[in-house]
C-alpha atoms as a PDB file:
ATOM      1  CA  MET A   1     -64.806 -43.923 -50.678  1.00  0.00           C
ATOM      2  CA  ASP A   2     -61.040 -44.510 -50.634  1.00  0.00           C
ATOM      3  CA  SER A   3     -59.593 -41.500 -50.067  1.00  0.00           C
ATOM      4  CA  ARG A   4     -62.082 -41.337 -46.435  1.00  0.00           C
ATOM      5  CA  LEU A   5     -60.996 -44.483 -45.618  1.00  0.00           C
ATOM      6  CA  ASP A   6     -57.641 -43.657 -45.968  1.00  0.00           C
ATOM      7  CA  ARG A   7     -57.830 -40.015 -44.120  1.00  0.00           C
ATOM      8  CA  LYS A   8     -59.507 -41.979 -41.305  1.00  0.00           C
ATOM      9  CA  LYS A   9     -56.287 -44.418 -41.463  1.00  0.00           C
ATOM     10  CA  SER A  10     -53.973 -41.436 -41.174  1.00  0.00           C
ATOM     11  CA  LYS A  11     -55.959 -40.134 -38.303  1.00  0.00           C
ATOM     12  CA  LYS A  12     -55.703 -43.271 -36.542  1.00  0.00           C
ATOM     13  CA  LYS A  13     -52.164 -43.441 -36.979  1.00  0.00           C
ATOM     14  CA  ARG A  14     -51.173 -40.436 -35.992  1.00  0.00           C
ATOM     15  CA  GLY A  15     -53.238 -40.563 -33.133  1.00  0.00           C
ATOM     16  CA  ARG A  16     -50.738 -43.475 -32.400  1.00  0.00           C
ATOM     17  CA  LYS A  17     -47.924 -41.637 -33.143  1.00  0.00           C
ATOM     18  CA  ILE A  18     -48.832 -38.700 -30.146  1.00  0.00           C
ATOM     19  CA  ILE A  19     -49.704 -41.238 -27.704  1.00  0.00           C
ATOM     20  CA  VAL A  20     -46.496 -42.874 -28.504  1.00  0.00           C
ATOM     21  CA  VAL A  21     -44.321 -39.830 -27.784  1.00  0.00           C
ATOM     22  CA  LEU A  22     -46.972 -38.739 -24.788  1.00  0.00           C
ATOM     23  CA  LEU A  23     -45.440 -42.046 -23.296  1.00  0.00           C
ATOM     24  CA  LEU A  24     -42.002 -42.177 -24.316  1.00  0.00           C
ATOM     25  CA  ILE A  25     -41.971 -38.371 -22.467  1.00  0.00           C
ATOM     26  CA  ILE A  26     -43.735 -39.922 -19.690  1.00  0.00           C
ATOM     27  CA  PHE A  27     -41.287 -42.717 -19.321  1.00  0.00           C
ATOM     28  CA  CYS A  28     -38.144 -40.062 -19.755  1.00  0.00           C
ATOM     29  CA  LEU A  29     -40.105 -37.985 -17.227  1.00  0.00           C
ATOM     30  CA  LEU A  30     -39.743 -40.737 -14.395  1.00  0.00           C
ATOM     31  CA  GLY A  31     -36.247 -41.814 -15.392  1.00  0.00           C
ATOM     32  CA  TYR A  32     -34.891 -38.194 -14.997  1.00  0.00           C
ATOM     33  CA  SER A  33     -36.597 -38.137 -11.713  1.00  0.00           C
ATOM     34  CA  ALA A  34     -35.213 -41.593 -10.472  1.00  0.00           C
ATOM     35  CA  TYR A  35     -32.139 -40.517 -11.123  1.00  0.00           C
ATOM     36  CA  GLN A  36     -32.418 -36.817  -9.807  1.00  0.00           C
ATOM     37  CA  PHE A  37     -33.828 -38.759  -6.356  1.00  0.00           C
ATOM     38  CA  TYR A  38     -30.839 -41.271  -6.391  1.00  0.00           C
ATOM     39  CA  LYS A  39     -28.225 -37.939  -7.126  1.00  0.00           C
ATOM     40  CA  GLY A  40     -29.835 -36.680  -4.429  1.00  0.00           C
ATOM     41  CA  TYR A  41     -29.309 -39.694  -1.824  1.00  0.00           C
ATOM     42  CA  GLN A  42     -25.534 -39.944  -3.003  1.00  0.00           C
ATOM     43  CA  MET A  43     -24.912 -36.681  -2.176  1.00  0.00           C
ATOM     44  CA  ALA A  44     -26.323 -36.923   1.706  1.00  0.00           C
ATOM     45  CA  ASP A  45     -23.788 -38.357   4.328  1.00  0.00           C
ATOM     46  CA  GLY A  46     -26.898 -40.251   5.257  1.00  0.00           C
ATOM     47  CA  ASN A  47     -27.879 -40.250   9.099  1.00  0.00           C
ATOM     48  CA  GLN A  48     -27.623 -43.369  10.974  1.00  0.00           C
ATOM     49  CA  ASN A  49     -29.025 -41.742  14.679  1.00  0.00           C
ATOM     50  CA  MET A  50     -32.523 -40.741  13.096  1.00  0.00           C
ATOM     51  CA  LYS A  51     -34.453 -42.823  15.678  1.00  0.00           C
ATOM     52  CA  GLU A  52     -37.806 -44.859  15.008  1.00  0.00           C
ATOM     53  CA  TYR A  53     -40.832 -43.088  16.660  1.00  0.00           C
ATOM     54  CA  LYS A  54     -44.230 -44.487  17.181  1.00  0.00           C
ATOM     55  CA  PHE A  55     -46.602 -41.892  16.491  1.00  0.00           C
ATOM     56  CA  ASN A  56     -50.591 -42.495  16.816  1.00  0.00           C
ATOM     57  CA  GLY A  57     -52.178 -40.112  15.042  1.00  0.00           C
ATOM     58  CA  VAL A  58     -55.308 -39.085  14.939  1.00  0.00           C
ATOM     59  CA  LYS A  59     -57.430 -37.794  12.281  1.00  0.00           C
ATOM     60  CA  ASP A  60     -58.698 -34.315  11.794  1.00  0.00           C
ATOM     61  CA  GLU A  61     -62.592 -34.841  12.160  1.00  0.00           C
ATOM     62  CA  ASN A  62     -63.226 -31.733   9.743  1.00  0.00           C
ATOM     63  CA  GLY A  63     -61.075 -33.927   6.968  1.00  0.00           C
ATOM     64  CA  LYS A  64     -58.436 -32.277   7.382  1.00  0.00           C
ATOM     65  CA  ILE A  65     -54.142 -33.049   7.661  1.00  0.00           C
ATOM     66  CA  ASN A  66     -52.842 -32.025  10.482  1.00  0.00           C
ATOM     67  CA  VAL A  67     -48.655 -32.761  10.248  1.00  0.00           C
ATOM     68  CA  LEU A  68     -46.370 -31.743  13.237  1.00  0.00           C
ATOM     69  CA  LEU A  69     -43.373 -30.421  12.534  1.00  0.00           C
ATOM     70  CA  LEU A  70     -40.401 -30.924  13.783  1.00  0.00           C
ATOM     71  CA  GLY A  71     -36.303 -29.579  13.851  1.00  0.00           C
ATOM     72  CA  VAL A  72     -33.761 -31.569  15.821  1.00  0.00           C
ATOM     73  CA  ASP A  73     -30.163 -31.524  16.373  1.00  0.00           C
ATOM     74  CA  SER A  74     -29.633 -34.981  16.824  1.00  0.00           C
ATOM     75  CA  ARG A  75     -25.451 -35.417  17.094  1.00  0.00           C
ATOM     76  CA  GLY A  76     -26.406 -38.940  17.950  1.00  0.00           C
ATOM     77  CA  GLU A  77     -27.610 -38.099  21.744  1.00  0.00           C
ATOM     78  CA  GLU A  78     -30.303 -40.789  22.865  1.00  0.00           C
ATOM     79  CA  LYS A  79     -32.708 -37.791  23.706  1.00  0.00           C
ATOM     80  CA  SER A  80     -32.928 -33.934  22.427  1.00  0.00           C
ATOM     81  CA  ARG A  81     -35.331 -30.904  22.464  1.00  0.00           C
ATOM     82  CA  THR A  82     -36.414 -29.486  19.325  1.00  0.00           C
ATOM     83  CA  ASP A  83     -36.047 -25.892  18.572  1.00  0.00           C
ATOM     84  CA  THR A  84     -38.787 -26.425  16.272  1.00  0.00           C
ATOM     85  CA  MET A  85     -42.521 -27.437  16.814  1.00  0.00           C
ATOM     86  CA  MET A  86     -45.109 -26.250  14.053  1.00  0.00           C
ATOM     87  CA  LEU A  87     -48.229 -27.469  13.315  1.00  0.00           C
ATOM     88  CA  ALA A  88     -48.749 -27.479   9.620  1.00  0.00           C
ATOM     89  CA  GLN A  89     -52.589 -27.589   7.780  1.00  0.00           C
ATOM     90  CA  VAL A  90     -53.792 -28.759   4.580  1.00  0.00           C
ATOM     91  CA  ASP A  91     -57.948 -28.853   3.409  1.00  0.00           C
ATOM     92  CA  PRO A  92     -57.590 -31.177   0.736  1.00  0.00           C
ATOM     93  CA  LYS A  93     -60.175 -29.639  -0.574  1.00  0.00           C
ATOM     94  CA  THR A  94     -59.779 -26.232  -1.029  1.00  0.00           C
ATOM     95  CA  ASN A  95     -55.228 -26.509  -1.033  1.00  0.00           C
ATOM     96  CA  GLU A  96     -55.290 -24.297   1.612  1.00  0.00           C
ATOM     97  CA  THR A  97     -52.143 -24.297   3.402  1.00  0.00           C
ATOM     98  CA  LYS A  98     -51.720 -22.672   7.668  1.00  0.00           C
ATOM     99  CA  LEU A  99     -49.242 -22.977   9.443  1.00  0.00           C
ATOM    100  CA  VAL A 100     -49.590 -22.451  13.127  1.00  0.00           C
ATOM    101  CA  SER A 101     -46.189 -22.083  15.447  1.00  0.00           C
ATOM    102  CA  PHE A 102     -45.883 -23.151  19.432  1.00  0.00           C
ATOM    103  CA  MET A 103     -43.368 -21.088  21.372  1.00  0.00           C
ATOM    104  CA  ARG A 104     -40.862 -23.903  23.160  1.00  0.00           C
ATOM    105  CA  ASP A 105     -41.001 -22.596  26.635  1.00  0.00           C
ATOM    106  CA  ILE A 106     -45.005 -22.512  27.082  1.00  0.00           C
ATOM    107  CA  TYR A 107     -45.801 -24.327  30.611  1.00  0.00           C
ATOM    108  CA  VAL A 108     -47.945 -27.150  29.533  1.00  0.00           C
ATOM    109  CA  GLU A 109     -49.375 -30.069  31.433  1.00  0.00           C
ATOM    110  CA  ILE A 110     -47.307 -33.072  30.003  1.00  0.00           C
ATOM    111  CA  PRO A 111     -49.153 -36.233  30.338  1.00  0.00           C
ATOM    112  CA  GLY A 112     -47.756 -38.925  32.591  1.00  0.00           C
ATOM    113  CA  TYR A 113     -45.142 -36.029  34.216  1.00  0.00           C
ATOM    114  CA  GLN A 114     -44.910 -32.943  36.142  1.00  0.00           C
ATOM    115  CA  ASN A 115     -45.509 -29.387  34.324  1.00  0.00           C
ATOM    116  CA  TYR A 116     -42.841 -28.440  32.105  1.00  0.00           C
ATOM    117  CA  LYS A 117     -41.867 -26.528  28.957  1.00  0.00           C
ATOM    118  CA  LEU A 118     -43.537 -27.931  25.692  1.00  0.00           C
ATOM    119  CA  ASN A 119     -40.335 -28.772  24.129  1.00  0.00           C
ATOM    120  CA  THR A 120     -39.565 -31.075  26.864  1.00  0.00           C
ATOM    121  CA  ALA A 121     -42.399 -33.382  26.412  1.00  0.00           C
ATOM    122  CA  PHE A 122     -40.044 -34.159  23.174  1.00  0.00           C
ATOM    123  CA  TYR A 123     -37.218 -35.082  25.079  1.00  0.00           C
ATOM    124  CA  LEU A 124     -39.575 -37.185  27.389  1.00  0.00           C
ATOM    125  CA  GLY A 125     -41.197 -39.274  24.675  1.00  0.00           C
ATOM    126  CA  GLY A 126     -40.932 -37.932  21.248  1.00  0.00           C
ATOM    127  CA  PRO A 127     -43.229 -37.204  18.653  1.00  0.00           C
ATOM    128  CA  GLU A 128     -45.514 -39.151  20.174  1.00  0.00           C
ATOM    129  CA  LEU A 129     -45.570 -37.515  23.670  1.00  0.00           C
ATOM    130  CA  LEU A 130     -45.514 -34.469  22.197  1.00  0.00           C
ATOM    131  CA  ARG A 131     -48.847 -35.022  20.258  1.00  0.00           C
ATOM    132  CA  LYS A 132     -50.080 -36.143  23.289  1.00  0.00           C
ATOM    133  CA  THR A 133     -49.510 -32.930  25.070  1.00  0.00           C
ATOM    134  CA  ILE A 134     -50.320 -30.936  22.296  1.00  0.00           C
ATOM    135  CA  LYS A 135     -53.679 -32.585  22.059  1.00  0.00           C
ATOM    136  CA  HIS A 136     -54.430 -32.450  26.228  1.00  0.00           C
ATOM    137  CA  ASN A 137     -53.496 -28.738  25.785  1.00  0.00           C
ATOM    138  CA  PHE A 138     -54.853 -26.709  22.635  1.00  0.00           C
ATOM    139  CA  ASP A 139     -57.431 -29.866  22.064  1.00  0.00           C
ATOM    140  CA  ILE A 140     -56.001 -30.322  18.055  1.00  0.00           C
ATOM    141  CA  ASP A 141     -55.848 -33.741  16.875  1.00  0.00           C
ATOM    142  CA  ILE A 142     -52.689 -34.213  14.560  1.00  0.00           C
ATOM    143  CA  GLN A 143     -52.521 -36.911  12.139  1.00  0.00           C
ATOM    144  CA  TYR A 144     -48.730 -37.376  10.907  1.00  0.00           C
ATOM    145  CA  TYR A 145     -45.454 -35.825  12.466  1.00  0.00           C
ATOM    146  CA  MET A 146     -42.534 -34.985  10.451  1.00  0.00           C
ATOM    147  CA  MET A 147     -39.082 -34.556  12.331  1.00  0.00           C
ATOM    148  CA  VAL A 148     -35.924 -32.926   9.687  1.00  0.00           C
ATOM    149  CA  ASP A 149     -32.218 -33.098  11.400  1.00  0.00           C
ATOM    150  CA  PHE A 150     -30.769 -29.441  10.787  1.00  0.00           C
ATOM    151  CA  LYS A 151     -28.053 -31.344   8.751  1.00  0.00           C
ATOM    152  CA  GLY A 152     -30.741 -32.540   6.262  1.00  0.00           C
ATOM    153  CA  PHE A 153     -32.317 -28.531   6.306  1.00  0.00           C
ATOM    154  CA  GLU A 154     -28.855 -27.657   5.308  1.00  0.00           C
ATOM    155  CA  GLN A 155     -28.645 -30.230   2.300  1.00  0.00           C
ATOM    156  CA  SER A 156     -31.902 -29.784   1.526  1.00  0.00           C
ATOM    157  CA  VAL A 157     -31.566 -25.708   1.035  1.00  0.00           C
ATOM    158  CA  ASP A 158     -28.621 -26.023  -0.711  1.00  0.00           C
ATOM    159  CA  THR A 159     -29.705 -28.672  -3.583  1.00  0.00           C
ATOM    160  CA  LEU A 160     -32.527 -26.746  -4.247  1.00  0.00           C
ATOM    161  CA  ALA A 161     -30.954 -23.674  -4.543  1.00  0.00           C
ATOM    162  CA  PRO A 162     -26.984 -23.780  -4.834  1.00  0.00           C
ATOM    163  CA  GLU A 163     -26.356 -20.271  -5.019  1.00  0.00           C
ATOM    164  CA  GLY A 164     -28.575 -19.650  -1.846  1.00  0.00           C
ATOM    165  CA  ILE A 165     -32.280 -18.509  -0.951  1.00  0.00           C
ATOM    166  CA  GLU A 166     -32.789 -14.473  -1.131  1.00  0.00           C
ATOM    167  CA  LEU A 167     -33.735 -13.248   2.077  1.00  0.00           C
ATOM    168  CA  ASP A 168     -33.775 -10.014   3.864  1.00  0.00           C
ATOM    169  CA  VAL A 169     -31.618 -10.153   7.340  1.00  0.00           C
ATOM    170  CA  GLU A 170     -32.707  -7.368   9.153  1.00  0.00           C
ATOM    171  CA  LYS A 171     -29.899  -7.121  12.214  1.00  0.00           C
ATOM    172  CA  ALA A 172     -26.514  -8.745  12.721  1.00  0.00           C
ATOM    173  CA  MET A 173     -26.562 -12.336  13.713  1.00  0.00           C
ATOM    174  CA  SER A 174     -23.559 -14.370  15.124  1.00  0.00           C
ATOM    175  CA  GLU A 175     -23.849 -15.762  18.729  1.00  0.00           C
ATOM    176  CA  ASN A 176     -24.853 -19.723  18.961  1.00  0.00           C
ATOM    177  CA  ILE A 177     -25.766 -20.137  15.741  1.00  0.00           C
ATOM    178  CA  GLY A 178     -22.262 -20.921  14.369  1.00  0.00           C
ATOM    179  CA  VAL A 179     -22.628 -18.138  11.565  1.00  0.00           C
ATOM    180  CA  ALA A 180     -21.740 -14.612  10.918  1.00  0.00           C
ATOM    181  CA  LEU A 181     -24.606 -12.940   9.429  1.00  0.00           C
ATOM    182  CA  GLU A 182     -24.305  -8.777   8.617  1.00  0.00           C
ATOM    183  CA  PRO A 183     -27.742  -6.881   7.514  1.00  0.00           C
ATOM    184  CA  GLY A 184     -29.378  -6.332   4.662  1.00  0.00           C
ATOM    185  CA  VAL A 185     -30.872  -8.236   1.528  1.00  0.00           C
ATOM    186  CA  GLN A 186     -28.905 -10.933   0.256  1.00  0.00           C
ATOM    187  CA  LYS A 187     -28.777 -15.232  -0.249  1.00  0.00           C
ATOM    188  CA  LEU A 188     -28.226 -17.460   2.005  1.00  0.00           C
ATOM    189  CA  ASN A 189     -26.558 -20.960   1.627  1.00  0.00           C
ATOM    190  CA  GLY A 190     -28.189 -23.720   4.167  1.00  0.00           C
ATOM    191  CA  LYS A 191     -25.781 -23.178   6.813  1.00  0.00           C
ATOM    192  CA  GLU A 192     -26.314 -19.340   6.887  1.00  0.00           C
ATOM    193  CA  LEU A 193     -30.905 -20.276   6.862  1.00  0.00           C
ATOM    194  CA  LEU A 194     -30.505 -22.596   9.720  1.00  0.00           C
ATOM    195  CA  GLY A 195     -28.553 -19.899  11.211  1.00  0.00           C
ATOM    196  CA  TYR A 196     -30.730 -16.853  10.855  1.00  0.00           C
ATOM    197  CA  ALA A 197     -33.710 -19.041  11.790  1.00  0.00           C
ATOM    198  CA  ARG A 198     -32.291 -20.456  15.151  1.00  0.00           C
ATOM    199  CA  PHE A 199     -30.924 -16.848  16.123  1.00  0.00           C
ATOM    200  CA  ARG A 200     -32.509 -15.979  19.392  1.00  0.00           C
ATOM    201  CA  ALA A 201     -30.027 -13.907  21.189  1.00  0.00           C
ATOM    202  CA  ASP A 202     -31.782 -10.790  20.990  1.00  0.00           C
ATOM    203  CA  GLU A 203     -34.559  -8.488  23.029  1.00  0.00           C
ATOM    204  CA  GLU A 204     -37.052 -10.339  20.957  1.00  0.00           C
ATOM    205  CA  GLY A 205     -35.761 -13.879  21.858  1.00  0.00           C
ATOM    206  CA  ASP A 206     -38.399 -17.045  21.205  1.00  0.00           C
ATOM    207  CA  PHE A 207     -40.511 -14.458  19.948  1.00  0.00           C
ATOM    208  CA  GLY A 208     -38.263 -13.383  17.103  1.00  0.00           C
ATOM    209  CA  ARG A 209     -37.029 -16.495  16.614  1.00  0.00           C
ATOM    210  CA  VAL A 210     -40.194 -18.233  15.559  1.00  0.00           C
ATOM    211  CA  GLU A 211     -40.776 -14.834  13.455  1.00  0.00           C
ATOM    212  CA  ARG A 212     -38.345 -15.737  10.993  1.00  0.00           C
ATOM    213  CA  GLN A 213     -38.768 -19.680  10.906  1.00  0.00           C
ATOM    214  CA  GLN A 214     -41.946 -18.655   9.562  1.00  0.00           C
ATOM    215  CA  LYS A 215     -40.351 -16.000   6.856  1.00  0.00           C
ATOM    216  CA  VAL A 216     -37.742 -18.981   6.204  1.00  0.00           C
ATOM    217  CA  ILE A 217     -40.872 -21.736   5.441  1.00  0.00           C
ATOM    218  CA  THR A 218     -42.163 -18.624   2.793  1.00  0.00           C
ATOM    219  CA  ALA A 219     -38.726 -17.946   1.490  1.00  0.00           C
ATOM    220  CA  LEU A 220     -38.739 -22.103   0.820  1.00  0.00           C
ATOM    221  CA  LYS A 221     -41.704 -22.336  -0.673  1.00  0.00           C
ATOM    222  CA  GLY A 222     -41.207 -19.453  -2.917  1.00  0.00           C
ATOM    223  CA  GLU A 223     -38.303 -20.558  -4.124  1.00  0.00           C
ATOM    224  CA  VAL A 224     -39.937 -24.454  -4.971  1.00  0.00           C
ATOM    225  CA  LEU A 225     -42.315 -22.451  -6.866  1.00  0.00           C
ATOM    226  CA  THR A 226     -40.088 -21.401  -9.469  1.00  0.00           C
ATOM    227  CA  ILE A 227     -39.557 -23.617 -13.068  1.00  0.00           C
ATOM    228  CA  ASP A 228     -35.729 -23.791 -11.320  1.00  0.00           C
ATOM    229  CA  GLY A 229     -36.904 -25.073  -8.354  1.00  0.00           C
ATOM    230  CA  VAL A 230     -39.887 -27.545  -9.444  1.00  0.00           C
ATOM    231  CA  THR A 231     -37.329 -29.978 -11.689  1.00  0.00           C
ATOM    232  CA  LYS A 232     -34.938 -30.041  -8.549  1.00  0.00           C
ATOM    233  CA  LEU A 233     -38.265 -31.745  -6.477  1.00  0.00           C
ATOM    234  CA  PRO A 234     -36.955 -35.656  -7.483  1.00  0.00           C
ATOM    235  CA  LYS A 235     -33.138 -34.608  -6.243  1.00  0.00           C
ATOM    236  CA  LEU A 236     -34.089 -32.372  -2.607  1.00  0.00           C
ATOM    237  CA  ALA A 237     -36.159 -35.352  -1.907  1.00  0.00           C
ATOM    238  CA  GLY A 238     -33.362 -37.479  -2.035  1.00  0.00           C
ATOM    239  CA  SER A 239     -30.922 -35.540  -0.214  1.00  0.00           C
ATOM    240  CA  ILE A 240     -33.020 -35.213   2.461  1.00  0.00           C
ATOM    241  CA  GLN A 241     -34.400 -38.811   2.886  1.00  0.00           C
ATOM    242  CA  PRO A 242     -31.682 -39.956   4.821  1.00  0.00           C
ATOM    243  CA  TYR A 243     -32.169 -37.112   7.817  1.00  0.00           C
ATOM    244  CA  ILE A 244     -36.071 -37.053   7.629  1.00  0.00           C
ATOM    245  CA  GLN A 245     -38.339 -39.355   9.698  1.00  0.00           C
ATOM    246  CA  THR A 246     -42.321 -39.499   9.872  1.00  0.00           C
ATOM    247  CA  ASN A 247     -45.022 -41.962   9.844  1.00  0.00           C
ATOM    248  CA  MET A 248     -46.696 -40.913   6.334  1.00  0.00           C
ATOM    249  CA  SER A 249     -46.369 -42.979   3.494  1.00  0.00           C
ATOM    250  CA  LYS A 250     -44.195 -42.067   0.439  1.00  0.00           C
ATOM    251  CA  LEU A 251     -47.981 -41.592  -1.613  1.00  0.00           C
ATOM    252  CA  ASP A 252     -49.049 -39.368   1.439  1.00  0.00           C
ATOM    253  CA  GLN A 253     -45.692 -37.333   1.488  1.00  0.00           C
ATOM    254  CA  ILE A 254     -46.378 -37.127  -2.222  1.00  0.00           C
ATOM    255  CA  SER A 255     -50.258 -36.204  -1.693  1.00  0.00           C
ATOM    256  CA  LEU A 256     -49.026 -33.490   0.814  1.00  0.00           C
ATOM    257  CA  VAL A 257     -46.461 -31.481  -1.348  1.00  0.00           C
ATOM    258  CA  LYS A 258     -49.178 -31.543  -4.465  1.00  0.00           C
ATOM    259  CA  ASP A 259     -51.484 -29.631  -2.195  1.00  0.00           C
ATOM    260  CA  VAL A 260     -49.183 -27.576  -0.703  1.00  0.00           C
ATOM    261  CA  LEU A 261     -47.876 -26.506  -4.593  1.00  0.00           C
ATOM    262  CA  LEU A 262     -51.262 -26.245  -5.609  1.00  0.00           C
ATOM    263  CA  SER A 263     -52.536 -23.595  -2.737  1.00  0.00           C
ATOM    264  CA  ASN A 264     -54.304 -20.901  -3.661  1.00  0.00           C
ATOM    265  CA  SER A 265     -52.114 -18.269  -2.119  1.00  0.00           C
ATOM    266  CA  ASP A 266     -48.079 -17.987  -2.671  1.00  0.00           C
ATOM    267  CA  GLU A 267     -48.106 -16.624   1.160  1.00  0.00           C
ATOM    268  CA  ILE A 268     -48.798 -19.477   3.920  1.00  0.00           C
ATOM    269  CA  ASP A 269     -51.032 -18.074   6.495  1.00  0.00           C
ATOM    270  CA  LYS A 270     -48.936 -17.925  10.037  1.00  0.00           C
ATOM    271  CA  LEU A 271     -50.121 -17.850  13.690  1.00  0.00           C
ATOM    272  CA  THR A 272     -47.927 -18.009  16.470  1.00  0.00           C
ATOM    273  CA  ILE A 273     -49.069 -19.020  19.948  1.00  0.00           C
ATOM    274  CA  PRO A 274     -49.319 -18.132  21.893  1.00  0.00           C
ATOM    275  CA  VAL A 275     -51.306 -14.779  20.205  1.00  0.00           C
ATOM    276  CA  GLU A 276     -50.225 -11.210  21.245  1.00  0.00           C
ATOM    277  CA  GLY A 277     -52.064 -10.407  24.976  1.00  0.00           C
ATOM    278  CA  ALA A 278     -53.040 -13.655  25.592  1.00  0.00           C
ATOM    279  CA  TYR A 279     -49.896 -14.424  27.717  1.00  0.00           C
ATOM    280  CA  ASP A 280     -47.424 -13.881  30.667  1.00  0.00           C
ATOM    281  CA  PHE A 281     -43.854 -14.607  32.270  1.00  0.00           C
ATOM    282  CA  GLY A 282     -43.330 -16.856  34.904  1.00  0.00           C
ATOM    283  CA  SER A 283     -40.567 -19.155  36.509  1.00  0.00           C
ATOM    284  CA  TYR A 284     -40.428 -21.842  38.283  1.00  0.00           C
ATOM    285  CA  GLU A 285     -38.122 -23.771  40.588  1.00  0.00           C
ATOM    286  CA  GLY A 286     -36.441 -26.568  38.564  1.00  0.00           C
ATOM    287  CA  VAL A 287     -37.803 -25.269  35.470  1.00  0.00           C
ATOM    288  CA  GLY A 288     -36.865 -21.675  35.006  1.00  0.00           C
ATOM    289  CA  SER A 289     -38.111 -18.914  32.339  1.00  0.00           C
ATOM    290  CA  VAL A 290     -41.366 -19.763  31.237  1.00  0.00           C
ATOM    291  CA  ILE A 291     -44.377 -18.321  29.285  1.00  0.00           C
ATOM    292  CA  GLU A 292     -47.810 -18.931  31.205  1.00  0.00           C
ATOM    293  CA  LEU A 293     -50.833 -19.015  28.664  1.00  0.00           C
ATOM    294  CA  ASP A 294     -54.449 -17.519  28.680  1.00  0.00           C
ATOM    295  CA  TYR A 295     -55.450 -20.952  27.408  1.00  0.00           C
ATOM    296  CA  GLU A 296     -59.004 -20.121  26.725  1.00  0.00           C
ATOM    297  CA  GLN A 297     -57.935 -17.146  24.768  1.00  0.00           C
ATOM    298  CA  ASN A 298     -55.198 -19.246  22.968  1.00  0.00           C
ATOM    299  CA  ILE A 299     -57.626 -22.255  22.887  1.00  0.00           C
ATOM    300  CA  GLN A 300     -60.091 -20.896  20.919  1.00  0.00           C
ATOM    301  CA  ALA A 301     -57.599 -18.414  19.000  1.00  0.00           C
ATOM    302  CA  LEU A 302     -56.301 -21.828  17.332  1.00  0.00           C
ATOM    303  CA  LYS A 303     -59.768 -23.251  16.753  1.00  0.00           C
ATOM    304  CA  ASP A 304     -61.005 -19.981  14.923  1.00  0.00           C
ATOM    305  CA  PHE A 305     -57.618 -20.259  12.486  1.00  0.00           C
ATOM    306  CA  LEU A 306     -57.683 -24.014  11.911  1.00  0.00           C
ATOM    307  CA  ASN A 307     -61.467 -23.293  10.992  1.00  0.00           C
ATOM    308  CA  GLY A 308     -61.413 -20.658   8.305  1.00  0.00           C
ATOM    309  CA  LYS A 309     -60.541 -17.276  10.076  1.00  0.00           C
ATOM    310  CA  SER A 310     -57.505 -15.698   8.777  1.00  0.00           C
ATOM    311  CA  SER A 311     -54.802 -15.141  11.291  1.00  0.00           C
ATOM    312  CA  LYS A 312     -55.091 -11.180  10.778  1.00  0.00           C
ATOM    313  CA  GLU A 313     -59.141 -12.133  12.127  1.00  0.00           C
ATOM    314  CA  VAL A 314     -57.770 -14.003  14.937  1.00  0.00           C
ATOM    315  CA  THR A 315     -55.261 -11.753  16.510  1.00  0.00           C
ATOM    316  CA  GLU A 316     -57.490  -8.515  16.170  1.00  0.00           C
END
């Protein structure tokens, strides 16, 4: 009888010890994460020119999370255009992630202004006017925006992968990107990867640039999913914090990152607007060269893509 009681007491003690060890591990991990976040924040120069924006986000009627992703080169100007305009959609039920790139030269109706290029909406009224313009022209509700200064992009890449991100550079690139890239598989640092994503001085123009931007996003996700990448996430978050502007709370950001990392596929399904065969080129005085859309066809393709169809099904 006594031996049975002794065994029960012994099991309880072991159980308490296991709980204590687990708590110690959790506290150590939390402490490590906080320390790495602080180290990353110290590494960043800080960007005091990031402006506060009003954003009246609207939830998606199907419960999905729509985030407007913007890349800007502020350089301290009061107004700037954006090179990168993407809609990232995450389905919390399936953790499926989709990415839509909007070409900056799409000719659109900008609420309250004359018709102009899509990226001009950001110049005139920041993320909120761009949100309204996308809603007005494409009937898509956007709940959040996340804007990253290009300096922050470089910083985050160098923090995540000090030896660079491996990428296959398809051609020589140097014009107007601040770096010189040669063709071939190689590891690119933050500045080089940004230059690769921004290059447009060839016959493909913005179409090629959008494709490269999507390629870079996929490569970055792949790097984050490595064990080494996951351990660097706190430091990465700290280093990019001074360069990021968003209406998302910290908890929303963590939840979004978790959903993306737990995505059922290593590949993010991507779509570019305009879709193939549903646009033409035009030119207007005071505006310049633009992309004119078949709006009915593009809106249908966009809605089909965001409502479950793959990009391949949409563009066939």
